[in-house]
């Protein structure tokens, strides 16, 4: 019923930039919040950044000042601008969204995940 499709991953040199996009589609009534997580090799998945419908944002300490999350509510799309990339940013990045589907049965919604996009930062 709901799909999240990420794009924008790839290979970049340290110090470079990438922009990830994630578009949600399907039976969407409203999106409460969206975010980006990542899983690096041998590590657990971690929150990178999130944005709620009112526009407030939250970042992991490791990316503050380098990454910026934004959204286009009309397009049900969230972006992650990643600057000054470091080799330790190498990971599979996953889009997450808390979505209330149509017809709405509650105001809590459910978590949906994209399939992930690989970001590789070379030194």
PDB file of N, CA and C in Angstrom:
ATOM      1  N   UNK A   1       0.811  -1.202   0.000  1.00  0.00           N
ATOM      2  CA  UNK A   1       0.000   0.000   0.000  1.00  0.00           C
ATOM      3  C   UNK A   1       0.850   1.259   0.000  1.00  0.00           C
ATOM      4  N   UNK A   2       1.979   1.204   0.683  1.00  0.00           N
ATOM      5  CA  UNK A   2       2.884   2.354   0.756  1.00  0.00           C
ATOM      6  C   UNK A   2       4.265   1.905   0.319  1.00  0.00           C
ATOM      7  N   UNK A   3       4.906   2.715  -0.477  1.00  0.00           N
ATOM      8  CA  UNK A   3       6.275   2.434  -0.908  1.00  0.00           C
ATOM      9  C   UNK A   3       7.148   3.633  -0.635  1.00  0.00           C
ATOM     10  N   UNK A   4       8.374   3.362  -0.215  1.00  0.00           N
ATOM     11  CA  UNK A   4       9.399   4.387  -0.079  1.00  0.00           C
ATOM     12  C   UNK A   4      10.523   4.018  -1.034  1.00  0.00           C
ATOM     13  N   UNK A   5      10.878   4.936  -1.896  1.00  0.00           N
ATOM     14  CA  UNK A   5      11.919   4.673  -2.884  1.00  0.00           C
ATOM     15  C   UNK A   5      13.027   5.694  -2.716  1.00  0.00           C
ATOM     16  N   UNK A   6      14.225   5.197  -2.402  1.00  0.00           N
ATOM     17  CA  UNK A   6      15.384   6.073  -2.224  1.00  0.00           C
ATOM     18  C   UNK A   6      16.168   6.176  -3.522  1.00  0.00           C
ATOM     19  N   UNK A   7      16.885   7.275  -3.638  1.00  0.00           N
ATOM     20  CA  UNK A   7      17.793   7.464  -4.763  1.00  0.00           C
ATOM     21  C   UNK A   7      18.892   8.415  -4.342  1.00  0.00           C
ATOM     22  N   UNK A   8      19.974   8.420  -5.112  1.00  0.00           N
ATOM     23  CA  UNK A   8      21.029   9.395  -4.872  1.00  0.00           C
ATOM     24  C   UNK A   8      22.303   8.847  -4.272  1.00  0.00           C
ATOM     25  N   UNK A   9      22.329   7.584  -3.912  1.00  0.00           N
ATOM     26  CA  UNK A   9      23.558   7.016  -3.363  1.00  0.00           C
ATOM     27  C   UNK A   9      24.620   6.854  -4.435  1.00  0.00           C
ATOM     28  N   UNK A  10      25.821   6.498  -4.007  1.00  0.00           N
ATOM     29  CA  UNK A  10      26.895   6.295  -4.954  1.00  0.00           C
ATOM     30  C   UNK A  10      28.248   6.358  -4.301  1.00  0.00           C
ATOM     31  N   UNK A  11      29.263   6.478  -5.127  1.00  0.00           N
ATOM     32  CA  UNK A  11      30.657   6.543  -4.685  1.00  0.00           C
ATOM     33  C   UNK A  11      31.151   7.977  -4.773  1.00  0.00           C
ATOM     34  N   UNK A  12      31.750   8.452  -3.709  1.00  0.00           N
ATOM     35  CA  UNK A  12      32.262   9.821  -3.679  1.00  0.00           C
ATOM     36  C   UNK A  12      33.559   9.849  -2.881  1.00  0.00           C
ATOM     37  N   UNK A  13      34.422  10.773  -3.206  1.00  0.00           N
ATOM     38  CA  UNK A  13      35.672  10.926  -2.456  1.00  0.00           C
ATOM     39  C   UNK A  13      35.422  11.677  -1.152  1.00  0.00           C
ATOM     40  N   UNK A  14      36.276  11.449  -0.201  1.00  0.00           N
ATOM     41  CA  UNK A  14      36.186  12.158   1.069  1.00  0.00           C
ATOM     42  C   UNK A  14      36.199  13.659   0.815  1.00  0.00           C
ATOM     43  N   UNK A  15      35.320  14.367   1.524  1.00  0.00           N
ATOM     44  CA  UNK A  15      35.181  15.802   1.326  1.00  0.00           C
ATOM     45  C   UNK A  15      34.110  16.173   0.322  1.00  0.00           C
ATOM     46  N   UNK A  16      33.613  15.193  -0.403  1.00  0.00           N
ATOM     47  CA  UNK A  16      32.595  15.447  -1.410  1.00  0.00           C
ATOM     48  C   UNK A  16      31.195  15.499  -0.841  1.00  0.00           C
ATOM     49  N   UNK A  17      30.227  15.591  -1.739  1.00  0.00           N
ATOM     50  CA  UNK A  17      28.829  15.730  -1.343  1.00  0.00           C
ATOM     51  C   UNK A  17      27.942  14.775  -2.137  1.00  0.00           C
ATOM     52  N   UNK A  18      26.855  14.403  -1.514  1.00  0.00           N
ATOM     53  CA  UNK A  18      25.803  13.634  -2.164  1.00  0.00           C
ATOM     54  C   UNK A  18      24.463  14.108  -1.628  1.00  0.00           C
ATOM     55  N   UNK A  19      23.439  13.930  -2.427  1.00  0.00           N
ATOM     56  CA  UNK A  19      22.084  14.256  -1.992  1.00  0.00           C
ATOM     57  C   UNK A  19      21.191  13.039  -2.181  1.00  0.00           C
ATOM     58  N   UNK A  20      20.644  12.570  -1.093  1.00  0.00           N
ATOM     59  CA  UNK A  20      19.720  11.445  -1.130  1.00  0.00           C
ATOM     60  C   UNK A  20      18.286  11.959  -1.184  1.00  0.00           C
ATOM     61  N   UNK A  21      17.452  11.214  -1.889  1.00  0.00           N
ATOM     62  CA  UNK A  21      16.026  11.526  -1.958  1.00  0.00           C
ATOM     63  C   UNK A  21      15.229  10.283  -1.612  1.00  0.00           C
ATOM     64  N   UNK A  22      14.074  10.490  -1.031  1.00  0.00           N
ATOM     65  CA  UNK A  22      13.179   9.382  -0.713  1.00  0.00           C
ATOM     66  C   UNK A  22      11.755   9.852  -0.953  1.00  0.00           C
ATOM     67  N   UNK A  23      11.078   9.185  -1.874  1.00  0.00           N
ATOM     68  CA  UNK A  23       9.704   9.541  -2.205  1.00  0.00           C
ATOM     69  C   UNK A  23       8.754   8.469  -1.702  1.00  0.00           C
ATOM     70  N   UNK A  24       7.737   8.905  -0.986  1.00  0.00           N
ATOM     71  CA  UNK A  24       6.702   7.997  -0.490  1.00  0.00           C
ATOM     72  C   UNK A  24       5.499   8.048  -1.419  1.00  0.00           C
ATOM     73  N   UNK A  25       4.925   6.887  -1.685  1.00  0.00           N
ATOM     74  CA  UNK A  25       3.745   6.828  -2.549  1.00  0.00           C
ATOM     75  C   UNK A  25       2.797   5.745  -2.057  1.00  0.00           C
ATOM     76  N   UNK A  26       1.550   5.830  -2.523  1.00  0.00           N
ATOM     77  CA  UNK A  26       0.560   4.836  -2.127  1.00  0.00           C
ATOM     78  C   UNK A  26      -0.611   5.479  -1.420  1.00  0.00           C
ATOM     79  N   UNK A  27      -1.244   4.689  -0.559  1.00  0.00           N
ATOM     80  CA  UNK A  27      -2.454   5.133   0.139  1.00  0.00           C
ATOM     81  C   UNK A  27      -2.075   5.952   1.376  1.00  0.00           C
ATOM     82  N   UNK A  28      -1.612   7.157   1.138  1.00  0.00           N
ATOM     83  CA  UNK A  28      -1.114   8.021   2.211  1.00  0.00           C
ATOM     84  C   UNK A  28      -2.172   9.025   2.607  1.00  0.00           C
ATOM     85  N   UNK A  29      -2.537   9.009   3.891  1.00  0.00           N
ATOM     86  CA  UNK A  29      -3.417  10.042   4.418  1.00  0.00           C
ATOM     87  C   UNK A  29      -2.584  11.228   4.889  1.00  0.00           C
ATOM     88  N   UNK A  30      -1.563  10.934   5.684  1.00  0.00           N
ATOM     89  CA  UNK A  30      -0.630  11.963   6.111  1.00  0.00           C
ATOM     90  C   UNK A  30       0.660  11.297   6.577  1.00  0.00           C
ATOM     91  N   UNK A  31       1.733  12.064   6.548  1.00  0.00           N
ATOM     92  CA  UNK A  31       3.031  11.588   7.022  1.00  0.00           C
ATOM     93  C   UNK A  31       3.387  12.367   8.276  1.00  0.00           C
ATOM     94  N   UNK A  32       3.580  11.651   9.367  1.00  0.00           N
ATOM     95  CA  UNK A  32       3.901  12.336  10.626  1.00  0.00           C
ATOM     96  C   UNK A  32       5.350  12.785  10.684  1.00  0.00           C
ATOM     97  N   UNK A  33       6.241  11.927  10.272  1.00  0.00           N
ATOM     98  CA  UNK A  33       7.649  12.273  10.264  1.00  0.00           C
ATOM     99  C   UNK A  33       8.390  11.369   9.298  1.00  0.00           C
ATOM    100  N   UNK A  34       9.555  11.821   8.883  1.00  0.00           N
ATOM    101  CA  UNK A  34      10.397  11.055   7.969  1.00  0.00           C
ATOM    102  C   UNK A  34      11.833  11.165   8.456  1.00  0.00           C
ATOM    103  N   UNK A  35      12.631  10.193   8.095  1.00  0.00           N
ATOM    104  CA  UNK A  35      14.010  10.238   8.546  1.00  0.00           C
ATOM    105  C   UNK A  35      14.911   9.339   7.737  1.00  0.00           C
ATOM    106  N   UNK A  36      16.191   9.461   8.032  1.00  0.00           N
ATOM    107  CA  UNK A  36      17.210   8.638   7.406  1.00  0.00           C
ATOM    108  C   UNK A  36      17.984   7.883   8.479  1.00  0.00           C
ATOM    109  N   UNK A  37      18.174   6.601   8.237  1.00  0.00           N
ATOM    110  CA  UNK A  37      18.998   5.755   9.081  1.00  0.00           C
ATOM    111  C   UNK A  37      20.119   5.203   8.210  1.00  0.00           C
ATOM    112  N   UNK A  38      21.134   4.686   8.871  1.00  0.00           N
ATOM    113  CA  UNK A  38      22.190   4.035   8.110  1.00  0.00           C
ATOM    114  C   UNK A  38      22.727   2.836   8.880  1.00  0.00           C
ATOM    115  N   UNK A  39      23.229   1.885   8.108  1.00  0.00           N
ATOM    116  CA  UNK A  39      23.871   0.719   8.699  1.00  0.00           C
ATOM    117  C   UNK A  39      25.227   0.566   8.023  1.00  0.00           C
ATOM    118  N   UNK A  40      26.264   0.798   8.801  1.00  0.00           N
ATOM    119  CA  UNK A  40      27.628   0.630   8.295  1.00  0.00           C
ATOM    120  C   UNK A  40      28.045  -0.821   8.454  1.00  0.00           C
ATOM    121  N   UNK A  41      29.024  -1.277   7.689  1.00  0.00           N
ATOM    122  CA  UNK A  41      29.477  -2.667   7.800  1.00  0.00           C
ATOM    123  C   UNK A  41      29.885  -3.011   9.225  1.00  0.00           C
ATOM    124  N   UNK A  42      29.312  -4.088   9.746  1.00  0.00           N
ATOM    125  CA  UNK A  42      29.668  -4.535  11.081  1.00  0.00           C
ATOM    126  C   UNK A  42      29.068  -3.732  12.215  1.00  0.00           C
ATOM    127  N   UNK A  43      28.189  -2.803  11.900  1.00  0.00           N
ATOM    128  CA  UNK A  43      27.596  -1.958  12.948  1.00  0.00           C
ATOM    129  C   UNK A  43      26.077  -2.052  12.918  1.00  0.00           C
ATOM    130  N   UNK A  44      25.471  -1.579  14.001  1.00  0.00           N
ATOM    131  CA  UNK A  44      24.020  -1.550  14.061  1.00  0.00           C
ATOM    132  C   UNK A  44      23.477  -0.348  13.309  1.00  0.00           C
ATOM    133  N   UNK A  45      22.228  -0.474  12.933  1.00  0.00           N
ATOM    134  CA  UNK A  45      21.574   0.651  12.273  1.00  0.00           C
ATOM    135  C   UNK A  45      21.451   1.814  13.254  1.00  0.00           C
ATOM    136  N   UNK A  46      21.672   3.028  12.730  1.00  0.00           N
ATOM    137  CA  UNK A  46      21.593   4.216  13.582  1.00  0.00           C
ATOM    138  C   UNK A  46      20.821   5.318  12.880  1.00  0.00           C
ATOM    139  N   UNK A  47      20.190   6.155  13.687  1.00  0.00           N
ATOM    140  CA  UNK A  47      19.486   7.313  13.156  1.00  0.00           C
ATOM    141  C   UNK A  47      20.496   8.347  12.699  1.00  0.00           C
ATOM    142  N   UNK A  48      20.309   8.845  11.498  1.00  0.00           N
ATOM    143  CA  UNK A  48      21.154   9.912  10.969  1.00  0.00           C
ATOM    144  C   UNK A  48      20.479  11.267  11.164  1.00  0.00           C
ATOM    145  N   UNK A  49      19.232  11.370  10.707  1.00  0.00           N
ATOM    146  CA  UNK A  49      18.496  12.624  10.815  1.00  0.00           C
ATOM    147  C   UNK A  49      17.012  12.351  10.649  1.00  0.00           C
ATOM    148  N   UNK A  50      16.206  13.198  11.258  1.00  0.00           N
ATOM    149  CA  UNK A  50      14.761  13.059  11.125  1.00  0.00           C
ATOM    150  C   UNK A  50      14.126  14.437  11.059  1.00  0.00           C
ATOM    151  N   UNK A  51      12.924  14.475  10.486  1.00  0.00           N
ATOM    152  CA  UNK A  51      12.172  15.721  10.373  1.00  0.00           C
ATOM    153  C   UNK A  51      10.708  15.404  10.586  1.00  0.00           C
ATOM    154  N   UNK A  52      10.057  16.199  11.440  1.00  0.00           N
ATOM    155  CA  UNK A  52       8.637  15.979  11.682  1.00  0.00           C
ATOM    156  C   UNK A  52       7.824  16.909  10.796  1.00  0.00           C
ATOM    157  N   UNK A  53       6.528  16.679  10.760  1.00  0.00           N
ATOM    158  CA  UNK A  53       5.677  17.416   9.831  1.00  0.00           C
ATOM    159  C   UNK A  53       5.718  18.913  10.070  1.00  0.00           C
ATOM    160  N   UNK A  54       6.001  19.341  11.298  1.00  0.00           N
ATOM    161  CA  UNK A  54       6.077  20.768  11.574  1.00  0.00           C
ATOM    162  C   UNK A  54       7.387  21.398  11.157  1.00  0.00           C
ATOM    163  N   UNK A  55       8.351  20.567  10.784  1.00  0.00           N
ATOM    164  CA  UNK A  55       9.621  21.086  10.298  1.00  0.00           C
ATOM    165  C   UNK A  55      10.784  20.947  11.249  1.00  0.00           C
ATOM    166  N   UNK A  56      10.533  20.528  12.489  1.00  0.00           N
ATOM    167  CA  UNK A  56      11.639  20.358  13.430  1.00  0.00           C
ATOM    168  C   UNK A  56      12.524  19.207  12.989  1.00  0.00           C
ATOM    169  N   UNK A  57      13.808  19.388  13.201  1.00  0.00           N
ATOM    170  CA  UNK A  57      14.773  18.387  12.761  1.00  0.00           C
ATOM    171  C   UNK A  57      15.618  17.885  13.924  1.00  0.00           C
ATOM    172  N   UNK A  58      16.184  16.713  13.711  1.00  0.00           N
ATOM    173  CA  UNK A  58      17.046  16.090  14.708  1.00  0.00           C
ATOM    174  C   UNK A  58      18.184  15.403  13.967  1.00  0.00           C
ATOM    175  N   UNK A  59      19.415  15.524  14.497  1.00  0.00           N
ATOM    176  CA  UNK A  59      20.573  14.946  13.837  1.00  0.00           C
ATOM    177  C   UNK A  59      21.417  14.132  14.808  1.00  0.00           C
ATOM    178  N   UNK A  60      22.049  13.110  14.289  1.00  0.00           N
ATOM    179  CA  UNK A  60      23.072  12.414  15.062  1.00  0.00           C
ATOM    180  C   UNK A  60      24.250  13.361  15.241  1.00  0.00           C
ATOM    181  N   UNK A  61      24.916  13.264  16.382  1.00  0.00           N
ATOM    182  CA  UNK A  61      26.048  14.160  16.644  1.00  0.00           C
ATOM    183  C   UNK A  61      27.116  14.034  15.569  1.00  0.00           C
ATOM    184  N   UNK A  62      27.282  12.849  15.030  1.00  0.00           N
ATOM    185  CA  UNK A  62      28.353  12.602  14.060  1.00  0.00           C
ATOM    186  C   UNK A  62      28.138  13.320  12.725  1.00  0.00           C
ATOM    187  N   UNK A  63      26.926  13.779  12.465  1.00  0.00           N
ATOM    188  CA  UNK A  63      26.654  14.426  11.168  1.00  0.00           C
ATOM    189  C   UNK A  63      26.247  15.890  11.311  1.00  0.00           C
ATOM    190  N   UNK A  64      26.106  16.374  12.530  1.00  0.00           N
ATOM    191  CA  UNK A  64      25.703  17.767  12.738  1.00  0.00           C
ATOM    192  C   UNK A  64      26.689  18.707  12.066  1.00  0.00           C
ATOM    193  N   UNK A  65      26.136  19.684  11.352  1.00  0.00           N
ATOM    194  CA  UNK A  65      26.975  20.653  10.664  1.00  0.00           C
ATOM    195  C   UNK A  65      27.408  20.205   9.276  1.00  0.00           C
ATOM    196  N   UNK A  66      27.201  18.931   8.959  1.00  0.00           N
ATOM    197  CA  UNK A  66      27.599  18.421   7.638  1.00  0.00           C
ATOM    198  C   UNK A  66      26.394  17.974   6.816  1.00  0.00           C
ATOM    199  N   UNK A  67      25.394  17.409   7.472  1.00  0.00           N
ATOM    200  CA  UNK A  67      24.206  16.895   6.783  1.00  0.00           C
ATOM    201  C   UNK A  67      23.014  17.799   7.067  1.00  0.00           C
ATOM    202  N   UNK A  68      22.133  17.900   6.086  1.00  0.00           N
ATOM    203  CA  UNK A  68      20.904  18.668   6.252  1.00  0.00           C
ATOM    204  C   UNK A  68      19.730  17.862   5.721  1.00  0.00           C
ATOM    205  N   UNK A  69      18.723  17.695   6.564  1.00  0.00           N
ATOM    206  CA  UNK A  69      17.506  17.002   6.143  1.00  0.00           C
ATOM    207  C   UNK A  69      16.440  18.042   5.831  1.00  0.00           C
ATOM    208  N   UNK A  70      15.680  17.777   4.775  1.00  0.00           N
ATOM    209  CA  UNK A  70      14.592  18.672   4.397  1.00  0.00           C
ATOM    210  C   UNK A  70      13.479  17.838   3.764  1.00  0.00           C
ATOM    211  N   UNK A  71      12.336  18.441   3.606  1.00  0.00           N
ATOM    212  CA  UNK A  71      11.217  17.700   3.023  1.00  0.00           C
ATOM    213  C   UNK A  71      10.376  18.585   2.136  1.00  0.00           C
ATOM    214  N   UNK A  72       9.695  17.953   1.208  1.00  0.00           N
ATOM    215  CA  UNK A  72       8.717  18.613   0.353  1.00  0.00           C
ATOM    216  C   UNK A  72       7.408  17.889   0.609  1.00  0.00           C
ATOM    217  N   UNK A  73       6.574  18.480   1.452  1.00  0.00           N
ATOM    218  CA  UNK A  73       5.361  17.790   1.875  1.00  0.00           C
ATOM    219  C   UNK A  73       4.407  17.540   0.709  1.00  0.00           C
ATOM    220  N   UNK A  74       4.385  18.443  -0.254  1.00  0.00           N
ATOM    221  CA  UNK A  74       3.499  18.281  -1.406  1.00  0.00           C
ATOM    222  C   UNK A  74       3.886  17.063  -2.236  1.00  0.00           C
ATOM    223  N   UNK A  75       5.170  16.720  -2.193  1.00  0.00           N
ATOM    224  CA  UNK A  75       5.671  15.584  -2.969  1.00  0.00           C
ATOM    225  C   UNK A  75       5.904  14.347  -2.111  1.00  0.00           C
ATOM    226  N   UNK A  76       5.600  14.447  -0.820  1.00  0.00           N
ATOM    227  CA  UNK A  76       5.854  13.328   0.105  1.00  0.00           C
ATOM    228  C   UNK A  76       7.287  12.833  -0.028  1.00  0.00           C
ATOM    229  N   UNK A  77       8.201  13.763  -0.071  1.00  0.00           N
ATOM    230  CA  UNK A  77       9.607  13.449  -0.326  1.00  0.00           C
ATOM    231  C   UNK A  77      10.486  14.065   0.749  1.00  0.00           C
ATOM    232  N   UNK A  78      11.480  13.303   1.158  1.00  0.00           N
ATOM    233  CA  UNK A  78      12.472  13.792   2.106  1.00  0.00           C
ATOM    234  C   UNK A  78      13.847  13.712   1.448  1.00  0.00           C
ATOM    235  N   UNK A  79      14.688  14.671   1.782  1.00  0.00           N
ATOM    236  CA  UNK A  79      16.024  14.751   1.207  1.00  0.00           C
ATOM    237  C   UNK A  79      17.058  14.733   2.321  1.00  0.00           C
ATOM    238  N   UNK A  80      18.248  14.284   1.960  1.00  0.00           N
ATOM    239  CA  UNK A  80      19.378  14.368   2.879  1.00  0.00           C
ATOM    240  C   UNK A  80      20.568  14.889   2.093  1.00  0.00           C
ATOM    241  N   UNK A  81      20.913  16.132   2.343  1.00  0.00           N
ATOM    242  CA  UNK A  81      22.100  16.728   1.725  1.00  0.00           C
ATOM    243  C   UNK A  81      23.290  16.400   2.600  1.00  0.00           C
ATOM    244  N   UNK A  82      24.258  15.718   2.035  1.00  0.00           N
ATOM    245  CA  UNK A  82      25.433  15.275   2.797  1.00  0.00           C
ATOM    246  C   UNK A  82      26.669  15.963   2.234  1.00  0.00           C
ATOM    247  N   UNK A  83      27.274  16.806   3.047  1.00  0.00           N
ATOM    248  CA  UNK A  83      28.485  17.523   2.656  1.00  0.00           C
ATOM    249  C   UNK A  83      29.664  17.070   3.517  1.00  0.00           C
ATOM    250  N   UNK A  84      30.855  17.395   3.057  1.00  0.00           N
ATOM    251  CA  UNK A  84      32.069  17.047   3.801  1.00  0.00           C
ATOM    252  C   UNK A  84      32.059  15.587   4.223  1.00  0.00           C
ATOM    253  N   UNK A  85      31.755  14.742   3.285  1.00  0.00           N
ATOM    254  CA  UNK A  85      31.629  13.316   3.594  1.00  0.00           C
ATOM    255  C   UNK A  85      32.966  12.727   4.026  1.00  0.00           C
ATOM    256  N   UNK A  86      32.865  11.771   4.942  1.00  0.00           N
ATOM    257  CA  UNK A  86      34.035  11.093   5.485  1.00  0.00           C
ATOM    258  C   UNK A  86      33.919   9.592   5.193  1.00  0.00           C
ATOM    259  N   UNK A  87      35.039   8.887   5.173  1.00  0.00           N
ATOM    260  CA  UNK A  87      34.961   7.430   4.945  1.00  0.00           C
ATOM    261  C   UNK A  87      34.047   6.731   5.952  1.00  0.00           C
ATOM    262  N   UNK A  88      33.972   7.251   7.158  1.00  0.00           N
ATOM    263  CA  UNK A  88      33.117   6.614   8.163  1.00  0.00           C
ATOM    264  C   UNK A  88      31.633   6.849   7.910  1.00  0.00           C
ATOM    265  N   UNK A  89      31.296   7.648   6.911  1.00  0.00           N
ATOM    266  CA  UNK A  89      29.898   7.804   6.513  1.00  0.00           C
ATOM    267  C   UNK A  89      29.457   6.683   5.573  1.00  0.00           C
ATOM    268  N   UNK A  90      30.401   5.854   5.159  1.00  0.00           N
ATOM    269  CA  UNK A  90      30.075   4.738   4.272  1.00  0.00           C
ATOM    270  C   UNK A  90      29.082   3.806   4.944  1.00  0.00           C
ATOM    271  N   UNK A  91      27.954   3.573   4.269  1.00  0.00           N
ATOM    272  CA  UNK A  91      26.884   2.766   4.840  1.00  0.00           C
ATOM    273  C   UNK A  91      25.767   2.620   3.819  1.00  0.00           C
ATOM    274  N   UNK A  92      24.845   1.738   4.136  1.00  0.00           N
ATOM    275  CA  UNK A  92      23.576   1.704   3.411  1.00  0.00           C
ATOM    276  C   UNK A  92      22.626   2.641   4.143  1.00  0.00           C
ATOM    277  N   UNK A  93      22.073   3.571   3.431  1.00  0.00           N
ATOM    278  CA  UNK A  93      21.175   4.565   4.013  1.00  0.00           C
ATOM    279  C   UNK A  93      19.727   4.173   3.705  1.00  0.00           C
ATOM    280  N   UNK A  94      18.934   4.152   4.760  1.00  0.00           N
ATOM    281  CA  UNK A  94      17.536   3.754   4.651  1.00  0.00           C
ATOM    282  C   UNK A  94      16.621   4.927   4.989  1.00  0.00           C
ATOM    283  N   UNK A  95      15.597   5.061   4.202  1.00  0.00           N
ATOM    284  CA  UNK A  95      14.553   6.042   4.459  1.00  0.00           C
ATOM    285  C   UNK A  95      13.480   5.413   5.346  1.00  0.00           C
ATOM    286  N   UNK A  96      12.989   6.206   6.278  1.00  0.00           N
ATOM    287  CA  UNK A  96      11.927   5.752   7.173  1.00  0.00           C
ATOM    288  C   UNK A  96      10.842   6.813   7.230  1.00  0.00           C
ATOM    289  N   UNK A  97       9.605   6.368   7.333  1.00  0.00           N
ATOM    290  CA  UNK A  97       8.510   7.324   7.457  1.00  0.00           C
ATOM    291  C   UNK A  97       7.413   6.741   8.342  1.00  0.00           C
ATOM    292  N   UNK A  98       6.865   7.576   9.192  1.00  0.00           N
ATOM    293  CA  UNK A  98       5.701   7.191   9.999  1.00  0.00           C
ATOM    294  C   UNK A  98       4.485   7.734   9.277  1.00  0.00           C
ATOM    295  N   UNK A  99       3.679   6.815   8.728  1.00  0.00           N
ATOM    296  CA  UNK A  99       2.608   7.198   7.807  1.00  0.00           C
ATOM    297  C   UNK A  99       1.259   6.701   8.302  1.00  0.00           C
ATOM    298  N   UNK A 100       0.285   7.561   8.203  1.00  0.00           N
ATOM    299  CA  UNK A 100      -1.105   7.172   8.420  1.00  0.00           C
ATOM    300  C   UNK A 100      -1.707   6.954   7.042  1.00  0.00           C
ATOM    301  N   UNK A 101      -2.198   5.740   6.817  1.00  0.00           N
ATOM    302  CA  UNK A 101      -2.718   5.407   5.502  1.00  0.00           C
ATOM    303  C   UNK A 101      -4.202   5.715   5.394  1.00  0.00           C
ATOM    304  N   UNK A 102      -4.675   5.689   4.182  1.00  0.00           N
ATOM    305  CA  UNK A 102      -6.075   5.959   3.883  1.00  0.00           C
ATOM    306  C   UNK A 102      -6.851   4.645   3.747  1.00  0.00           C
ATOM    307  N   UNK A 103      -8.007   4.497   4.385  1.00  0.00           N
ATOM    308  CA  UNK A 103      -8.614   5.442   5.322  1.00  0.00           C
ATOM    309  C   UNK A 103      -7.939   5.363   6.685  1.00  0.00           C
ATOM    310  N   UNK A 104      -7.855   6.474   7.403  1.00  0.00           N
ATOM    311  CA  UNK A 104      -7.168   6.470   8.691  1.00  0.00           C
ATOM    312  C   UNK A 104      -7.977   5.741   9.762  1.00  0.00           C
ATOM    313  N   UNK A 105      -7.306   4.834  10.471  1.00  0.00           N
ATOM    314  CA  UNK A 105      -7.965   4.120  11.562  1.00  0.00           C
ATOM    315  C   UNK A 105      -7.495   4.638  12.916  1.00  0.00           C
ATOM    316  N   UNK A 106      -6.357   5.338  12.915  1.00  0.00           N
ATOM    317  CA  UNK A 106      -5.861   5.980  14.135  1.00  0.00           C
ATOM    318  C   UNK A 106      -4.929   7.094  13.732  1.00  0.00           C
ATOM    319  N   UNK A 107      -4.392   7.798  14.721  1.00  0.00           N
ATOM    320  CA  UNK A 107      -3.490   8.912  14.433  1.00  0.00           C
ATOM    321  C   UNK A 107      -2.047   8.560  14.755  1.00  0.00           C
ATOM    322  N   UNK A 108      -1.804   7.251  14.989  1.00  0.00           N
ATOM    323  CA  UNK A 108      -0.448   6.825  15.332  1.00  0.00           C
ATOM    324  C   UNK A 108       0.351   6.512  14.080  1.00  0.00           C
ATOM    325  N   UNK A 109      -0.277   5.775  13.155  1.00  0.00           N
ATOM    326  CA  UNK A 109       0.403   5.413  11.928  1.00  0.00           C
ATOM    327  C   UNK A 109       1.327   4.226  12.102  1.00  0.00           C
ATOM    328  N   UNK A 110       2.016   3.907  11.013  1.00  0.00           N
ATOM    329  CA  UNK A 110       2.954   2.793  11.017  1.00  0.00           C
ATOM    330  C   UNK A 110       4.270   3.226  10.407  1.00  0.00           C
ATOM    331  N   UNK A 111       5.320   2.511  10.776  1.00  0.00           N
ATOM    332  CA  UNK A 111       6.637   2.769  10.195  1.00  0.00           C
ATOM    333  C   UNK A 111       6.790   2.020   8.879  1.00  0.00           C
ATOM    334  N   UNK A 112       7.279   2.730   7.884  1.00  0.00           N
ATOM    335  CA  UNK A 112       7.608   2.138   6.598  1.00  0.00           C
ATOM    336  C   UNK A 112       9.072   2.414   6.291  1.00  0.00           C
ATOM    337  N   UNK A 113       9.672   1.457   5.542  1.00  0.00           N
ATOM    338  CA  UNK A 113      11.102   1.551   5.241  1.00  0.00           C
ATOM    339  C   UNK A 113      11.348   1.388   3.749  1.00  0.00           C
ATOM    340  N   UNK A 114      12.332   2.110   3.267  1.00  0.00           N
ATOM    341  CA  UNK A 114      12.812   1.884   1.931  1.00  0.00           C
ATOM    342  C   UNK A 114      13.787   0.722   1.906  1.00  0.00           C
ATOM    343  N   UNK A 115      14.229   0.354   0.712  1.00  0.00           N
ATOM    344  CA  UNK A 115      15.127  -0.787   0.568  1.00  0.00           C
ATOM    345  C   UNK A 115      16.578  -0.408   0.805  1.00  0.00           C
ATOM    346  N   UNK A 116      16.870   0.873   0.834  1.00  0.00           N
ATOM    347  CA  UNK A 116      18.224   1.324   1.110  1.00  0.00           C
ATOM    348  C   UNK A 116      18.984   1.721  -0.135  1.00  0.00           C
ATOM    349  N   UNK A 117      19.915   2.637   0.059  1.00  0.00           N
ATOM    350  CA  UNK A 117      20.802   3.059  -1.014  1.00  0.00           C
ATOM    351  C   UNK A 117      22.216   3.140  -0.458  1.00  0.00           C
ATOM    352  N   UNK A 118      23.171   2.615  -1.194  1.00  0.00           N
ATOM    353  CA  UNK A 118      24.542   2.519  -0.704  1.00  0.00           C
ATOM    354  C   UNK A 118      25.312   3.815  -0.956  1.00  0.00           C
ATOM    355  N   UNK A 119      25.937   4.291   0.099  1.00  0.00           N
ATOM    356  CA  UNK A 119      26.840   5.440   0.008  1.00  0.00           C
ATOM    357  C   UNK A 119      28.233   4.954   0.374  1.00  0.00           C
ATOM    358  N   UNK A 120      29.178   5.159  -0.523  1.00  0.00           N
ATOM    359  CA  UNK A 120      30.558   4.750  -0.292  1.00  0.00           C
ATOM    360  C   UNK A 120      31.449   5.977  -0.416  1.00  0.00           C
ATOM    361  N   UNK A 121      32.205   6.248   0.638  1.00  0.00           N
ATOM    362  CA  UNK A 121      33.099   7.397   0.654  1.00  0.00           C
ATOM    363  C   UNK A 121      34.529   6.869   0.687  1.00  0.00           C
ATOM    364  N   UNK A 122      35.277   7.188  -0.340  1.00  0.00           N
ATOM    365  CA  UNK A 122      36.655   6.724  -0.432  1.00  0.00           C
ATOM    366  C   UNK A 122      37.614   7.754   0.171  1.00  0.00           C
ATOM    367  N   UNK A 123      38.685   7.252   0.722  1.00  0.00           N
ATOM    368  CA  UNK A 123      39.667   8.147   1.365  1.00  0.00           C
ATOM    369  C   UNK A 123      40.732   8.610   0.392  1.00  0.00           C
TER     370      UNK A 123
END
